[in-house]
């Protein structure tokens, strides 16, 4: 947007990518998971009007004090129980099977050791090893399995499309 400082413009760009790429997949995930169990699920915060309304609000107001979705939390205060309103944000689950994370961990453990790994130059090897040992992403909102899956998907994408780094 004209007049935005570069960091604010970058946040807007990343938010746009999140809304048009990742979030676009969420209703499909939700539908498949809920239909599988016969559960009716609503996603009230995916309403296009609710997303469009704060689009031009600067990030510092959307996330006051660094609180993700802080504007939404402040707006819903008194209407939503406090323990729900202020709970830690988590990602949408990739899979709930207990062996899934373990399988991803083993596959990811082999990735940086591979001399032809396209992921190796992109990650901090010590941080990755720490993540593989520790299990939870630092200060993140993603579940560990989501982080592992994303890193492996990036590696697969780089291989399939033969993307090279300069």
Foldseek 3Di string as FASTA:
>chain_A
DPPDDVVQVVVLVVVVCCVVPVVVCVVVVVVVVCVVVVHDDDDVCNPPVNVVVCSVPTPCCCQPVNNHNVNVLVVCVPVDDPCVSPPQAADDDPDDDPCLLVVLLVVLVCQLVDPPFQLVVVDDVVQSVCCSVVQADPPDRYHSSVVSVVSVVVRVVCVVVVDDDD
